[in-house]
Amino acid sequence: MDIPWAFLFQYFLDLHMHLYIRNMVCDRCLMAVRQALNDEGIEYRHLQLGEVELSKDPSADQLEKLSGRLKSLGFELLDDKKSRIVEKIKSTIISIIHHSDEELNLKLSALLTDKLGMDYHYLTTLFSSVEGITIEKYAIMQRIEKVKELMMYNEMSLSEIAFDMGYSSVQHLSQQFKKVTGLTPTQFKGLKENTRKPLDRI
């Protein structure tokens, strides 16, 4: 059942000038959302994966049109606090693993606590209850997708990839890779078809 926009309008304004968007996972997602915001005349200060900081209150009509536009692009405007937090966890992990030079050997719990400003026990309990997997397992799946990407470029040795991705050894990477994919890194490289997954489908 659709929630009346008159109600959602006030709800979104109560989010302290922030909009939260599901399925933003890459730079092209940022470009698509930026274009949608500009097309609807919604003014914003900052745009990052999963979140928009507004500079001016949008009208109810603007938000309704933006929501429809985002859905057509495969995104979703979030209006539930738990969903927004889970999406923030996902976008933070994706940003750390795929789009930054963050030290990947640092504890994920410390990174998320620092970036989200929330107790890690609360974050991991909420994430597991909503997604059905732990934060750690989700992060491992994202790391393996990044390893696949680096292997497909064929520009780095497995030892270099292991070091770059914060693994203690090539053996550790290989064990985790096989546990997630069912294949060794060597077997994966021998495949002809692309077995990488879209980040928003992990």
N, C-alpha and C. Protein backbone atom coordinates (compact mmCIF):
# COMPACT_ATOMS: atom_id res chain seq x y z
N MET A 1 0.84 -1.20 0.00
CA MET A 1 0.00 0.00 0.00
C MET A 1 0.88 1.25 0.00
N ASP A 2 0.61 2.18 -0.91
CA ASP A 2 1.37 3.41 -1.00
C ASP A 2 1.02 4.34 0.15
N ILE A 3 2.06 4.95 0.74
CA ILE A 3 1.85 5.92 1.81
C ILE A 3 1.57 7.28 1.19
N PRO A 4 0.56 8.00 1.67
CA PRO A 4 0.23 9.31 1.09
C PRO A 4 1.43 10.26 1.13
N TRP A 5 1.63 10.98 0.03
CA TRP A 5 2.80 11.86 -0.04
C TRP A 5 2.70 13.04 0.91
N ALA A 6 1.52 13.42 1.29
CA ALA A 6 1.39 14.52 2.26
C ALA A 6 2.07 14.13 3.58
N PHE A 7 1.94 12.83 3.93
CA PHE A 7 2.57 12.34 5.16
C PHE A 7 4.08 12.20 4.96
N LEU A 8 4.47 11.59 3.82
CA LEU A 8 5.90 11.39 3.58
C LEU A 8 6.66 12.70 3.44
N PHE A 9 5.99 13.71 2.89
CA PHE A 9 6.64 15.01 2.71
C PHE A 9 7.15 15.54 4.04
N GLN A 10 6.30 15.53 5.05
CA GLN A 10 6.72 16.02 6.36
C GLN A 10 7.76 15.08 6.97
N TYR A 11 7.63 13.78 6.70
CA TYR A 11 8.58 12.81 7.24
C TYR A 11 9.98 13.09 6.70
N PHE A 12 10.08 13.29 5.38
CA PHE A 12 11.38 13.53 4.79
C PHE A 12 12.00 14.83 5.31
N LEU A 13 11.17 15.85 5.52
CA LEU A 13 11.69 17.11 6.04
C LEU A 13 12.20 16.95 7.46
N ASP A 14 11.68 15.96 8.17
CA ASP A 14 12.13 15.70 9.54
C ASP A 14 13.46 14.93 9.57
N LEU A 15 13.99 14.55 8.44
CA LEU A 15 15.25 13.81 8.40
C LEU A 15 16.45 14.75 8.45
N HIS A 16 16.21 16.01 8.88
CA HIS A 16 17.28 16.99 9.01
C HIS A 16 17.98 17.24 7.67
N MET A 17 17.18 17.44 6.64
CA MET A 17 17.68 17.83 5.33
C MET A 17 18.56 16.76 4.68
N HIS A 18 18.24 15.50 4.92
CA HIS A 18 18.95 14.40 4.28
C HIS A 18 17.95 13.47 3.60
N LEU A 19 18.33 12.96 2.44
CA LEU A 19 17.57 11.91 1.77
C LEU A 19 18.47 10.67 1.73
N TYR A 20 17.88 9.49 1.90
CA TYR A 20 18.64 8.25 1.88
C TYR A 20 18.12 7.38 0.74
N ILE A 21 19.06 6.86 -0.07
CA ILE A 21 18.69 6.19 -1.31
C ILE A 21 19.32 4.80 -1.37
N ARG A 22 18.51 3.79 -1.60
CA ARG A 22 18.98 2.40 -1.69
C ARG A 22 19.57 2.11 -3.07
N ASN A 23 20.59 1.24 -3.10
CA ASN A 23 21.20 0.69 -4.32
C ASN A 23 22.20 1.61 -5.00
N MET A 24 22.66 2.66 -4.33
CA MET A 24 23.74 3.47 -4.89
C MET A 24 25.07 2.80 -4.55
N VAL A 25 25.78 2.31 -5.56
CA VAL A 25 26.99 1.52 -5.28
C VAL A 25 28.23 1.96 -6.06
N CYS A 26 28.10 2.94 -6.96
CA CYS A 26 29.25 3.27 -7.80
C CYS A 26 29.18 4.72 -8.27
N ASP A 27 30.23 5.16 -8.96
CA ASP A 27 30.29 6.53 -9.46
C ASP A 27 29.19 6.82 -10.48
N ARG A 28 28.83 5.81 -11.28
CA ARG A 28 27.76 6.01 -12.26
C ARG A 28 26.41 6.20 -11.57
N CYS A 29 26.26 5.54 -10.40
CA CYS A 29 25.05 5.75 -9.60
C CYS A 29 24.98 7.20 -9.14
N LEU A 30 26.12 7.73 -8.71
CA LEU A 30 26.17 9.13 -8.27
C LEU A 30 25.77 10.06 -9.42
N MET A 31 26.27 9.78 -10.60
CA MET A 31 25.95 10.61 -11.77
C MET A 31 24.46 10.56 -12.09
N ALA A 32 23.87 9.35 -12.01
CA ALA A 32 22.45 9.19 -12.33
C ALA A 32 21.57 9.92 -11.32
N VAL A 33 21.91 9.80 -10.02
CA VAL A 33 21.13 10.47 -8.98
C VAL A 33 21.31 11.98 -9.06
N ARG A 34 22.53 12.41 -9.33
CA ARG A 34 22.79 13.85 -9.48
C ARG A 34 21.94 14.43 -10.60
N GLN A 35 21.85 13.70 -11.72
CA GLN A 35 21.03 14.17 -12.85
C GLN A 35 19.56 14.23 -12.47
N ALA A 36 19.09 13.22 -11.72
CA ALA A 36 17.68 13.19 -11.29
C ALA A 36 17.38 14.37 -10.37
N LEU A 37 18.27 14.65 -9.43
CA LEU A 37 18.09 15.79 -8.52
C LEU A 37 18.05 17.10 -9.30
N ASN A 38 18.97 17.25 -10.24
CA ASN A 38 19.02 18.48 -11.04
C ASN A 38 17.77 18.63 -11.91
N ASP A 39 17.32 17.53 -12.49
CA ASP A 39 16.14 17.58 -13.36
C ASP A 39 14.89 17.98 -12.58
N GLU A 40 14.81 17.57 -11.31
CA GLU A 40 13.65 17.91 -10.49
C GLU A 40 13.84 19.22 -9.74
N GLY A 41 14.97 19.87 -9.96
CA GLY A 41 15.22 21.18 -9.33
C GLY A 41 15.42 21.11 -7.83
N ILE A 42 15.90 19.98 -7.33
CA ILE A 42 16.13 19.81 -5.89
C ILE A 42 17.55 20.24 -5.56
N GLU A 43 17.67 21.23 -4.70
CA GLU A 43 18.98 21.78 -4.36
C GLU A 43 19.63 20.97 -3.24
N TYR A 44 20.93 20.71 -3.39
CA TYR A 44 21.64 19.90 -2.39
C TYR A 44 23.06 20.43 -2.19
N ARG A 45 23.59 20.14 -1.00
CA ARG A 45 24.95 20.56 -0.67
C ARG A 45 25.97 19.49 -1.02
N HIS A 46 25.59 18.24 -0.73
CA HIS A 46 26.56 17.15 -0.87
C HIS A 46 25.84 15.87 -1.27
N LEU A 47 26.49 15.10 -2.15
CA LEU A 47 25.94 13.83 -2.60
C LEU A 47 27.01 12.76 -2.44
N GLN A 48 26.66 11.66 -1.77
CA GLN A 48 27.57 10.54 -1.64
C GLN A 48 26.77 9.25 -1.76
N LEU A 49 27.45 8.11 -1.78
CA LEU A 49 26.75 6.85 -1.94
C LEU A 49 25.68 6.68 -0.87
N GLY A 50 24.43 6.57 -1.30
CA GLY A 50 23.33 6.31 -0.39
C GLY A 50 22.73 7.51 0.32
N GLU A 51 23.29 8.70 0.13
CA GLU A 51 22.82 9.83 0.93
C GLU A 51 22.96 11.16 0.19
N VAL A 52 21.96 12.02 0.38
CA VAL A 52 21.99 13.38 -0.19
C VAL A 52 21.76 14.36 0.95
N GLU A 53 22.64 15.33 1.08
CA GLU A 53 22.44 16.41 2.04
C GLU A 53 21.83 17.59 1.29
N LEU A 54 20.61 17.96 1.66
CA LEU A 54 19.88 19.01 0.96
C LEU A 54 20.30 20.39 1.45
N SER A 55 20.16 21.37 0.58
CA SER A 55 20.45 22.75 0.97
C SER A 55 19.16 23.57 1.06
N LYS A 56 18.06 22.99 0.59
CA LYS A 56 16.78 23.69 0.60
C LYS A 56 15.66 22.66 0.66
N ASP A 57 14.59 22.99 1.40
CA ASP A 57 13.45 22.06 1.49
C ASP A 57 12.83 21.84 0.11
N PRO A 58 12.73 20.58 -0.35
CA PRO A 58 12.01 20.31 -1.60
C PRO A 58 10.51 20.33 -1.35
N SER A 59 9.76 20.53 -2.40
CA SER A 59 8.30 20.47 -2.27
C SER A 59 7.86 19.02 -2.29
N ALA A 60 6.60 18.78 -1.86
CA ALA A 60 6.06 17.42 -1.90
C ALA A 60 6.02 16.89 -3.33
N ASP A 61 5.70 17.78 -4.28
CA ASP A 61 5.64 17.38 -5.68
C ASP A 61 7.03 16.98 -6.19
N GLN A 62 8.06 17.73 -5.79
CA GLN A 62 9.43 17.41 -6.20
C GLN A 62 9.85 16.04 -5.66
N LEU A 63 9.52 15.78 -4.40
CA LEU A 63 9.90 14.50 -3.80
C LEU A 63 9.18 13.32 -4.46
N GLU A 64 7.90 13.54 -4.77
CA GLU A 64 7.13 12.47 -5.42
C GLU A 64 7.71 12.15 -6.79
N LYS A 65 8.04 13.20 -7.55
CA LYS A 65 8.62 12.99 -8.88
C LYS A 65 10.01 12.36 -8.77
N LEU A 66 10.79 12.80 -7.78
CA LEU A 66 12.12 12.22 -7.59
C LEU A 66 12.02 10.74 -7.25
N SER A 67 11.08 10.39 -6.38
CA SER A 67 10.90 8.99 -6.00
C SER A 67 10.59 8.12 -7.22
N GLY A 68 9.69 8.59 -8.08
CA GLY A 68 9.35 7.86 -9.30
C GLY A 68 10.53 7.74 -10.24
N ARG A 69 11.27 8.83 -10.36
CA ARG A 69 12.45 8.84 -11.24
C ARG A 69 13.50 7.86 -10.73
N LEU A 70 13.73 7.86 -9.42
CA LEU A 70 14.73 6.96 -8.84
C LEU A 70 14.34 5.50 -9.04
N LYS A 71 13.05 5.20 -8.85
CA LYS A 71 12.57 3.82 -9.05
C LYS A 71 12.82 3.36 -10.47
N SER A 72 12.61 4.25 -11.43
CA SER A 72 12.82 3.89 -12.84
C SER A 72 14.29 3.61 -13.14
N LEU A 73 15.18 4.15 -12.29
CA LEU A 73 16.62 3.96 -12.47
C LEU A 73 17.16 2.80 -11.63
N GLY A 74 16.27 2.17 -10.85
CA GLY A 74 16.70 1.04 -10.02
C GLY A 74 17.08 1.41 -8.61
N PHE A 75 16.76 2.63 -8.19
CA PHE A 75 17.05 3.09 -6.83
C PHE A 75 15.74 3.17 -6.04
N GLU A 76 15.88 3.49 -4.76
CA GLU A 76 14.68 3.62 -3.92
C GLU A 76 14.92 4.65 -2.83
N LEU A 77 14.00 5.59 -2.71
CA LEU A 77 14.05 6.59 -1.65
C LEU A 77 13.56 5.94 -0.36
N LEU A 78 14.40 5.94 0.67
CA LEU A 78 14.07 5.24 1.91
C LEU A 78 13.37 6.15 2.90
N ASP A 79 12.36 5.60 3.58
CA ASP A 79 11.63 6.40 4.56
C ASP A 79 11.53 5.69 5.91
N ASP A 80 12.32 4.63 6.09
CA ASP A 80 12.30 3.88 7.34
C ASP A 80 13.69 3.97 7.99
N LYS A 81 13.73 4.29 9.27
CA LYS A 81 15.00 4.52 9.96
C LYS A 81 15.93 3.31 9.89
N LYS A 82 15.40 2.11 10.13
CA LYS A 82 16.23 0.91 10.12
C LYS A 82 16.80 0.66 8.72
N SER A 83 15.95 0.83 7.71
CA SER A 83 16.41 0.64 6.33
C SER A 83 17.51 1.64 5.98
N ARG A 84 17.35 2.87 6.47
CA ARG A 84 18.36 3.90 6.19
C ARG A 84 19.70 3.56 6.83
N ILE A 85 19.65 3.04 8.05
CA ILE A 85 20.90 2.68 8.74
C ILE A 85 21.58 1.51 8.03
N VAL A 86 20.79 0.49 7.65
CA VAL A 86 21.35 -0.66 6.95
C VAL A 86 21.96 -0.23 5.62
N GLU A 87 21.27 0.65 4.90
CA GLU A 87 21.81 1.12 3.63
C GLU A 87 23.08 1.92 3.84
N LYS A 88 23.14 2.67 4.93
CA LYS A 88 24.34 3.44 5.27
C LYS A 88 25.51 2.49 5.56
N ILE A 89 25.23 1.40 6.26
CA ILE A 89 26.27 0.39 6.53
C ILE A 89 26.79 -0.17 5.21
N LYS A 90 25.87 -0.55 4.32
CA LYS A 90 26.26 -1.11 3.03
C LYS A 90 27.09 -0.13 2.21
N SER A 91 26.61 1.10 2.09
CA SER A 91 27.31 2.08 1.26
C SER A 91 28.68 2.42 1.85
N THR A 92 28.78 2.40 3.19
CA THR A 92 30.07 2.66 3.83
C THR A 92 31.06 1.54 3.53
N ILE A 93 30.59 0.29 3.64
CA ILE A 93 31.46 -0.86 3.34
C ILE A 93 31.89 -0.84 1.87
N ILE A 94 30.95 -0.58 0.97
CA ILE A 94 31.26 -0.51 -0.46
C ILE A 94 32.27 0.60 -0.73
N SER A 95 32.06 1.74 -0.11
CA SER A 95 32.97 2.87 -0.30
C SER A 95 34.38 2.53 0.19
N ILE A 96 34.48 1.91 1.36
CA ILE A 96 35.79 1.54 1.92
C ILE A 96 36.51 0.53 1.03
N ILE A 97 35.79 -0.49 0.58
CA ILE A 97 36.42 -1.58 -0.17
C ILE A 97 36.67 -1.23 -1.63
N HIS A 98 35.72 -0.55 -2.26
CA HIS A 98 35.79 -0.35 -3.71
C HIS A 98 36.25 1.04 -4.15
N HIS A 99 36.10 2.04 -3.29
CA HIS A 99 36.30 3.41 -3.77
C HIS A 99 37.23 4.25 -2.90
N SER A 100 38.04 3.63 -2.05
CA SER A 100 38.92 4.45 -1.21
C SER A 100 40.23 3.73 -0.96
N ASP A 101 41.17 4.47 -0.39
CA ASP A 101 42.48 3.91 -0.03
C ASP A 101 42.53 3.57 1.45
N GLU A 102 41.34 3.36 2.03
CA GLU A 102 41.25 3.05 3.46
C GLU A 102 42.05 1.79 3.78
N GLU A 103 42.69 1.78 4.94
CA GLU A 103 43.45 0.60 5.39
C GLU A 103 42.49 -0.57 5.62
N LEU A 104 42.54 -1.57 4.76
CA LEU A 104 41.60 -2.68 4.86
C LEU A 104 41.97 -3.68 5.95
N ASN A 105 43.17 -3.50 6.55
CA ASN A 105 43.52 -4.40 7.64
C ASN A 105 43.07 -3.85 8.99
N LEU A 106 42.48 -2.65 8.97
CA LEU A 106 41.90 -2.12 10.19
C LEU A 106 40.60 -2.87 10.49
N LYS A 107 40.22 -2.92 11.74
CA LYS A 107 39.00 -3.62 12.11
C LYS A 107 37.78 -2.93 11.52
N LEU A 108 36.94 -3.73 10.86
CA LEU A 108 35.73 -3.20 10.26
C LEU A 108 34.83 -2.58 11.32
N SER A 109 34.78 -3.21 12.50
CA SER A 109 33.94 -2.67 13.57
C SER A 109 34.36 -1.26 13.96
N ALA A 110 35.68 -1.01 14.01
CA ALA A 110 36.18 0.31 14.37
C ALA A 110 35.87 1.32 13.27
N LEU A 111 36.01 0.91 12.01
CA LEU A 111 35.74 1.80 10.89
C LEU A 111 34.27 2.21 10.85
N LEU A 112 33.37 1.24 11.01
CA LEU A 112 31.94 1.54 10.95
C LEU A 112 31.50 2.38 12.15
N THR A 113 32.01 2.06 13.33
CA THR A 113 31.67 2.83 14.52
C THR A 113 32.09 4.29 14.35
N ASP A 114 33.28 4.47 13.78
CA ASP A 114 33.80 5.82 13.57
C ASP A 114 33.00 6.57 12.52
N LYS A 115 32.69 5.92 11.41
CA LYS A 115 32.03 6.61 10.29
C LYS A 115 30.54 6.82 10.51
N LEU A 116 29.89 5.90 11.25
CA LEU A 116 28.46 6.04 11.47
C LEU A 116 28.12 6.63 12.83
N GLY A 117 29.10 6.66 13.72
CA GLY A 117 28.87 7.24 15.04
C GLY A 117 27.86 6.47 15.87
N MET A 118 27.81 5.14 15.67
CA MET A 118 26.88 4.29 16.42
C MET A 118 27.60 3.09 16.99
N ASP A 119 27.05 2.53 18.06
CA ASP A 119 27.62 1.35 18.70
C ASP A 119 27.62 0.17 17.73
N TYR A 120 28.75 -0.53 17.62
CA TYR A 120 28.87 -1.60 16.64
C TYR A 120 27.93 -2.76 16.95
N HIS A 121 27.73 -3.07 18.21
CA HIS A 121 26.83 -4.17 18.57
C HIS A 121 25.41 -3.89 18.04
N TYR A 122 24.98 -2.63 18.16
CA TYR A 122 23.66 -2.26 17.64
C TYR A 122 23.64 -2.40 16.12
N LEU A 123 24.70 -1.92 15.45
CA LEU A 123 24.76 -1.97 14.00
C LEU A 123 24.72 -3.41 13.48
N THR A 124 25.52 -4.28 14.09
CA THR A 124 25.59 -5.66 13.59
C THR A 124 24.31 -6.44 13.89
N THR A 125 23.68 -6.15 15.02
CA THR A 125 22.40 -6.82 15.35
C THR A 125 21.31 -6.38 14.38
N LEU A 126 21.24 -5.07 14.11
CA LEU A 126 20.25 -4.54 13.18
C LEU A 126 20.47 -5.09 11.78
N PHE A 127 21.72 -5.07 11.32
CA PHE A 127 22.04 -5.53 9.98
C PHE A 127 21.63 -6.99 9.79
N SER A 128 21.97 -7.83 10.77
CA SER A 128 21.65 -9.26 10.68
C SER A 128 20.15 -9.50 10.67
N SER A 129 19.42 -8.72 11.45
CA SER A 129 17.97 -8.91 11.52
C SER A 129 17.28 -8.50 10.23
N VAL A 130 17.82 -7.50 9.54
CA VAL A 130 17.23 -7.01 8.29
C VAL A 130 17.70 -7.81 7.08
N GLU A 131 19.00 -8.10 7.01
CA GLU A 131 19.58 -8.71 5.82
C GLU A 131 19.71 -10.23 5.89
N GLY A 132 19.68 -10.79 7.10
CA GLY A 132 19.80 -12.24 7.23
C GLY A 132 21.22 -12.76 7.18
N ILE A 133 22.21 -11.85 7.09
CA ILE A 133 23.63 -12.22 7.16
C ILE A 133 24.33 -11.20 8.05
N THR A 134 25.53 -11.54 8.51
CA THR A 134 26.26 -10.62 9.37
C THR A 134 26.95 -9.54 8.54
N ILE A 135 27.31 -8.45 9.20
CA ILE A 135 28.09 -7.40 8.55
C ILE A 135 29.41 -7.97 8.03
N GLU A 136 30.04 -8.84 8.83
CA GLU A 136 31.33 -9.42 8.44
C GLU A 136 31.21 -10.23 7.15
N LYS A 137 30.14 -11.04 7.05
CA LYS A 137 29.95 -11.84 5.84
C LYS A 137 29.69 -10.95 4.63
N TYR A 138 28.90 -9.89 4.82
CA TYR A 138 28.64 -8.96 3.72
C TYR A 138 29.94 -8.31 3.26
N ALA A 139 30.79 -7.91 4.21
CA ALA A 139 32.06 -7.27 3.87
C ALA A 139 32.98 -8.25 3.14
N ILE A 140 32.99 -9.51 3.57
CA ILE A 140 33.81 -10.53 2.90
C ILE A 140 33.35 -10.70 1.45
N MET A 141 32.03 -10.75 1.23
CA MET A 141 31.50 -10.89 -0.13
C MET A 141 31.90 -9.71 -1.00
N GLN A 142 31.91 -8.51 -0.42
CA GLN A 142 32.33 -7.33 -1.18
C GLN A 142 33.83 -7.39 -1.48
N ARG A 143 34.62 -7.83 -0.52
CA ARG A 143 36.07 -7.94 -0.73
C ARG A 143 36.36 -8.93 -1.86
N ILE A 144 35.65 -10.05 -1.87
CA ILE A 144 35.88 -11.06 -2.91
C ILE A 144 35.51 -10.50 -4.29
N GLU A 145 34.44 -9.71 -4.36
CA GLU A 145 34.10 -9.08 -5.64
C GLU A 145 35.20 -8.13 -6.10
N LYS A 146 35.81 -7.42 -5.17
CA LYS A 146 36.92 -6.53 -5.51
C LYS A 146 38.13 -7.33 -5.96
N VAL A 147 38.38 -8.46 -5.29
CA VAL A 147 39.48 -9.35 -5.70
C VAL A 147 39.24 -9.85 -7.13
N LYS A 148 37.99 -10.25 -7.43
CA LYS A 148 37.65 -10.68 -8.79
C LYS A 148 37.98 -9.59 -9.80
N GLU A 149 37.59 -8.37 -9.47
CA GLU A 149 37.83 -7.24 -10.37
C GLU A 149 39.33 -7.06 -10.63
N LEU A 150 40.13 -7.08 -9.57
CA LEU A 150 41.57 -6.90 -9.71
C LEU A 150 42.20 -8.04 -10.49
N MET A 151 41.70 -9.25 -10.29
CA MET A 151 42.23 -10.41 -11.04
C MET A 151 41.92 -10.30 -12.53
N MET A 152 40.74 -9.79 -12.85
CA MET A 152 40.34 -9.68 -14.25
C MET A 152 41.15 -8.62 -14.99
N TYR A 153 41.63 -7.60 -14.26
CA TYR A 153 42.49 -6.60 -14.88
C TYR A 153 43.83 -7.20 -15.28
N ASN A 154 44.25 -8.25 -14.56
CA ASN A 154 45.50 -8.95 -14.85
C ASN A 154 46.72 -8.04 -14.77
N GLU A 155 46.66 -7.05 -13.88
CA GLU A 155 47.78 -6.11 -13.73
C GLU A 155 48.57 -6.35 -12.45
N MET A 156 48.02 -7.15 -11.54
CA MET A 156 48.66 -7.41 -10.26
C MET A 156 48.76 -8.91 -10.02
N SER A 157 49.83 -9.32 -9.33
CA SER A 157 49.94 -10.73 -8.93
C SER A 157 48.98 -10.98 -7.77
N LEU A 158 48.73 -12.26 -7.49
CA LEU A 158 47.84 -12.61 -6.38
C LEU A 158 48.43 -12.12 -5.06
N SER A 159 49.75 -12.15 -4.94
CA SER A 159 50.40 -11.66 -3.72
C SER A 159 50.15 -10.16 -3.55
N GLU A 160 50.24 -9.42 -4.64
CA GLU A 160 50.00 -7.97 -4.59
C GLU A 160 48.54 -7.68 -4.25
N ILE A 161 47.63 -8.46 -4.83
CA ILE A 161 46.20 -8.28 -4.53
C ILE A 161 45.93 -8.57 -3.06
N ALA A 162 46.52 -9.66 -2.55
CA ALA A 162 46.32 -10.02 -1.14
C ALA A 162 46.79 -8.89 -0.23
N PHE A 163 47.94 -8.33 -0.53
CA PHE A 163 48.47 -7.23 0.28
C PHE A 163 47.58 -6.00 0.16
N ASP A 164 47.19 -5.67 -1.07
CA ASP A 164 46.36 -4.48 -1.32
C ASP A 164 45.00 -4.58 -0.63
N MET A 165 44.45 -5.78 -0.54
CA MET A 165 43.13 -5.98 0.05
C MET A 165 43.17 -6.29 1.54
N GLY A 166 44.38 -6.24 2.14
CA GLY A 166 44.49 -6.38 3.59
C GLY A 166 44.48 -7.80 4.11
N TYR A 167 44.73 -8.79 3.22
CA TYR A 167 44.81 -10.18 3.68
C TYR A 167 46.18 -10.45 4.28
N SER A 168 46.23 -11.34 5.26
CA SER A 168 47.49 -11.66 5.93
C SER A 168 48.43 -12.45 5.04
N SER A 169 47.87 -13.16 4.05
CA SER A 169 48.68 -13.98 3.15
C SER A 169 47.87 -14.36 1.92
N VAL A 170 48.56 -14.86 0.90
CA VAL A 170 47.88 -15.36 -0.29
C VAL A 170 47.01 -16.56 0.09
N GLN A 171 47.51 -17.38 1.00
CA GLN A 171 46.75 -18.55 1.44
C GLN A 171 45.42 -18.14 2.07
N HIS A 172 45.45 -17.10 2.90
CA HIS A 172 44.23 -16.60 3.53
C HIS A 172 43.24 -16.12 2.48
N LEU A 173 43.73 -15.35 1.50
CA LEU A 173 42.85 -14.87 0.42
C LEU A 173 42.27 -16.06 -0.34
N SER A 174 43.11 -17.03 -0.70
CA SER A 174 42.66 -18.18 -1.50
C SER A 174 41.60 -18.99 -0.76
N GLN A 175 41.80 -19.17 0.55
CA GLN A 175 40.83 -19.93 1.35
C GLN A 175 39.47 -19.22 1.38
N GLN A 176 39.52 -17.90 1.60
CA GLN A 176 38.27 -17.14 1.66
C GLN A 176 37.61 -17.08 0.28
N PHE A 177 38.41 -16.93 -0.76
CA PHE A 177 37.89 -16.89 -2.12
C PHE A 177 37.14 -18.17 -2.46
N LYS A 178 37.74 -19.32 -2.12
CA LYS A 178 37.10 -20.60 -2.43
C LYS A 178 35.84 -20.80 -1.59
N LYS A 179 35.87 -20.35 -0.34
CA LYS A 179 34.71 -20.51 0.52
C LYS A 179 33.51 -19.74 -0.02
N VAL A 180 33.76 -18.56 -0.60
CA VAL A 180 32.68 -17.72 -1.12
C VAL A 180 32.23 -18.16 -2.52
N THR A 181 33.21 -18.47 -3.38
CA THR A 181 32.89 -18.72 -4.80
C THR A 181 32.83 -20.21 -5.17
N GLY A 182 33.46 -21.06 -4.34
CA GLY A 182 33.54 -22.48 -4.69
C GLY A 182 34.70 -22.78 -5.62
N LEU A 183 35.47 -21.75 -5.97
CA LEU A 183 36.60 -21.90 -6.88
C LEU A 183 37.87 -21.35 -6.24
N THR A 184 39.02 -21.86 -6.67
CA THR A 184 40.27 -21.25 -6.28
C THR A 184 40.49 -20.03 -7.19
N PRO A 185 41.34 -19.09 -6.80
CA PRO A 185 41.64 -17.96 -7.68
C PRO A 185 42.12 -18.40 -9.06
N THR A 186 42.94 -19.45 -9.11
CA THR A 186 43.44 -19.95 -10.40
C THR A 186 42.30 -20.48 -11.26
N GLN A 187 41.38 -21.23 -10.65
CA GLN A 187 40.22 -21.74 -11.39
C GLN A 187 39.35 -20.59 -11.90
N PHE A 188 39.18 -19.56 -11.07
CA PHE A 188 38.39 -18.40 -11.49
C PHE A 188 39.00 -17.72 -12.70
N LYS A 189 40.31 -17.54 -12.67
CA LYS A 189 40.98 -16.87 -13.80
C LYS A 189 40.86 -17.67 -15.08
N GLY A 190 40.68 -19.00 -14.94
CA GLY A 190 40.56 -19.84 -16.12
C GLY A 190 39.18 -19.85 -16.74
N LEU A 191 38.20 -19.25 -16.04
CA LEU A 191 36.85 -19.19 -16.58
C LEU A 191 36.78 -18.19 -17.72
N LYS A 192 35.96 -18.51 -18.73
CA LYS A 192 35.81 -17.60 -19.85
C LYS A 192 34.69 -16.59 -19.61
N GLU A 193 33.65 -17.04 -18.90
CA GLU A 193 32.52 -16.14 -18.69
C GLU A 193 32.78 -15.26 -17.46
N ASN A 194 32.16 -14.10 -17.46
CA ASN A 194 32.28 -13.16 -16.34
C ASN A 194 31.37 -13.62 -15.20
N THR A 195 31.97 -13.92 -14.04
CA THR A 195 31.17 -14.38 -12.90
C THR A 195 31.12 -13.34 -11.80
N ARG A 196 31.43 -12.11 -12.12
CA ARG A 196 31.31 -11.05 -11.12
C ARG A 196 29.84 -10.70 -10.93
N LYS A 197 29.52 -10.20 -9.73
CA LYS A 197 28.15 -9.84 -9.41
C LYS A 197 28.02 -8.33 -9.28
N PRO A 198 26.89 -7.74 -9.70
CA PRO A 198 26.65 -6.33 -9.42
C PRO A 198 26.68 -6.08 -7.91
N LEU A 199 27.28 -4.97 -7.49
CA LEU A 199 27.46 -4.72 -6.06
C LEU A 199 26.14 -4.61 -5.32
N ASP A 200 25.09 -4.13 -5.99
CA ASP A 200 23.80 -4.00 -5.31
C ASP A 200 23.03 -5.31 -5.26
N ARG A 201 23.60 -6.39 -5.81
CA ARG A 201 22.96 -7.70 -5.74
C ARG A 201 23.67 -8.62 -4.74
N ILE A 202 24.64 -8.08 -4.02
CA ILE A 202 25.37 -8.87 -3.02
C ILE A 202 24.66 -8.76 -1.68
